[in-house]
Every structure is written in structure tokens, then in C-alpha cells.
Amino acid sequence: MKPSNILNPHRIMITVLLSVIGTAIAGAAILRVVFRQERPKRIIVERRLTDRENPYSYHYFRDTVTVRDSVVQLRLNITQPYDISVRAIGSDRPGSRVVPIGTDDELTLTIDSLIERGHYSGTEFTDSLYSFFRQESEFLKRNENSGENMMALRDRFLGPFALSHKATPTGIIALSYSSDSVKARYFDELDPALEYSVAANEYVSLRNRARAVQAIINARSGMTVGKVMPDFALPDSTGRIVTLSSMRGGWVLVDFWATWCAVCIRGFADLRQFSAECGDRCKVVTIDIDDQDVIWRPFIAGYDMPWINLLNDPTDHSESNPVNALGINSIPVTMLIDPDGKIAALERGSKPGFLDKVRHIIGIN
């Protein structure tokens, strides 16, 4: 199960006013929305901008436009590329595909029936984008009986496609659809100049994700038996800061979990028994890695958790966060730390018999 903090953006909502015009004006991006059949009374045009200082955050600009004719034309006074989409007000149906629009682009969204099936045209990028989707669809159809799972099959297409289009914005889009491992492997092959292309927002987001995954891979390579466990300093339920180094000299069992992780919580029964039997020989510490205090505190108060309970800050993206330092991208993770501070045993996921292995290591059978 994935900790949600890894992909949990802090969103900033901003509303501005667009101009609805009849003719294109030089120096501004133009969006035309063409309704071939029935048209809604009003639409929302949404633009999204990735925050370069904090790529976990996005700025949203949402604008309401009255539809008076079959063609709506909007002038967008923008100084950098945005991601744009359109949806009808009062409808619970999804909006159009999100696509980038550059500062001088003239982009047309043609809607034959449903907005989400609308087709973009008018720029070189949109032509290459639809070519990419077509090639991917054809590849998947040709290989549908290969026996591979869908993500592995898509990666087999997306990785090579991104490499063969590494100097184009379409290469960014292809890589953004791939698995995290492919993102981390191929991102540095992309032309750095793409950061200033029409797909600049996608490039920044992709770079952030690739770097995060690369950091996880690097950290996990050090999270092996025999390596020294990085220190942490986290608050317990009383607000007291507890460090791993303060427990040096004795055995420590550390369990990473979250309140939304059902597998983690099911494991507490065995952990409770272990704590009762081995607590004098081995301290038990659980670290909630993905909850706020207002959720965590009532939860632990309602459970029988007779050990050291610590809370990690999921918004901390620094190396002082043990999630980052250890490259934890799924839970539960349980590890036994020896008296010298080294990892003596490690379990990713829930594996029967791990606590029996721990009992054997610490000399209790």
C-alpha cells in the first residue's frame, strides 16, 4: 500500500477573468471551443500551473464563460505555458482532456457530442499528441495476448517512445504515463531545454517525480541488513521528542504504518503479543508516516497500543523524514535494530513468521 503523502499536492485556488472575443489578437494564446451539436449554457475553462518552487503544489485558475454561439473564442493573456481543460457547468460528467497551451498558441477544441471526447487541433504539439495515443493503442492491441500485465506492457512501449522523442514535448508526455521505475530510469535522457517548452508544467512535475523515485531507490539500497539505521527525532503522544539514538544499547523493533493501512492494523494483534512476551528484551516503536495529529491521536487512543507511538510529518520532504531517508514507498515496513544501531532484520509487507524470526535473533524462543 502506498503512503499518500508521496503524491499529495497542496493546491492553491485562484480565480481570474478571461476575455471572450471574436477575432485573434497577436501576442496572446487563443482557445476556441466549437460545439457541433447541443451546447451547454456555460462552461468552465480551467488552467493549471505547476509551482516551480514546490512541484507538489499547483495553481488553478478557473473561469466561467457564457456560451452564446456554437463557437466560443477566448483570448488568454499568459506569459508561460499552462495546462488547460474545459467542462460544462451543472454537469457531473468529466471535462475535456488536459493539454498544454503555449503563450502564442491557437488551440481549437471541437466537441461533437460529449466534452470529454472533444478533439484538440491547431498546434504541432496536439498533432503529435494524438499520434502518440494512436501508436500506443496500436501497440497494446498487437500485444494484448502477450501475457504481460498492462503496466509492464505499456512501459515496453512508453520507455522506447520517450527515448526516440527525447527532444520533443511528446516525449515528456509519454514518460509521464510510464511507471515510476521507467520515469526514474529515462528522465535524464530528456533534453533539458524541454523545461521551457509548451509542456513545461509536465516537465517540472515529471522531474520532481523522477527525482523522488531516484531518491527512494538510492535510499532503499542502503536499507539492508547490516547497515546502520538512520536516526530520527519524532514526537510521541505526549509531545515528547523521541530519537532512535536514545535507544542505542538495546534491541528495537520499528514498525511503519498509517491509519488507512488495513494490513498494518491487522498486524497489531501479533505485535501486541510480541510486545507482551518480549517487551523487556526489545522495545517496540510504531511510526505513523502519513497522518496528521488530529487523526492519529484519537486513533491510537482507541486501540490497545502498549508501546512507543510516534508521529511522522507527511509534509516534510527533507532527509530528516525517515520515510525519505529509508526510501519507504509502501507500508507496512518492519525492522529490527540491534544494540549497535544496525538493521538486523527487515520485512516489507506482511509476511507470516517475521516476528518469530525476530524472537530467534534476540534470543527468545
Foldseek 3Di string as FASTA:
>chain_A
DFFCLVQAADEAEDEDEWDWDDDDDFQWEKEKEAEQDDDAQKKKKKWWFQDLVDNSYIYIYIYIDGDDDRMIMTTHQDDAKTWIWMDHPPDPDDTDDTDITGGGFYKYWYDHDHRNPTQIDGDPVSVVQVVVVVVLVVQCVVCVPVPDPPQVSLLVVLLVVLLVQLAHLNSLVSLLPHDLVSLLVCLVSHDPVCCRPSNVSSNSSSVVSSVLLVLLVVLQVQQDFPHFQDKAWFQFLVRHTDIPVVQAQAKEKEKEAAPVDPQSVVCVVVVVVLCVVCVVRYAYEYEHAHDDPVVPNVVPVPDPDPGTYGYFDSNDPDCNGSCSNNSDGDDTKMFMAHNRRGTHDIDHGDDPPPVVVVCVVSVHD
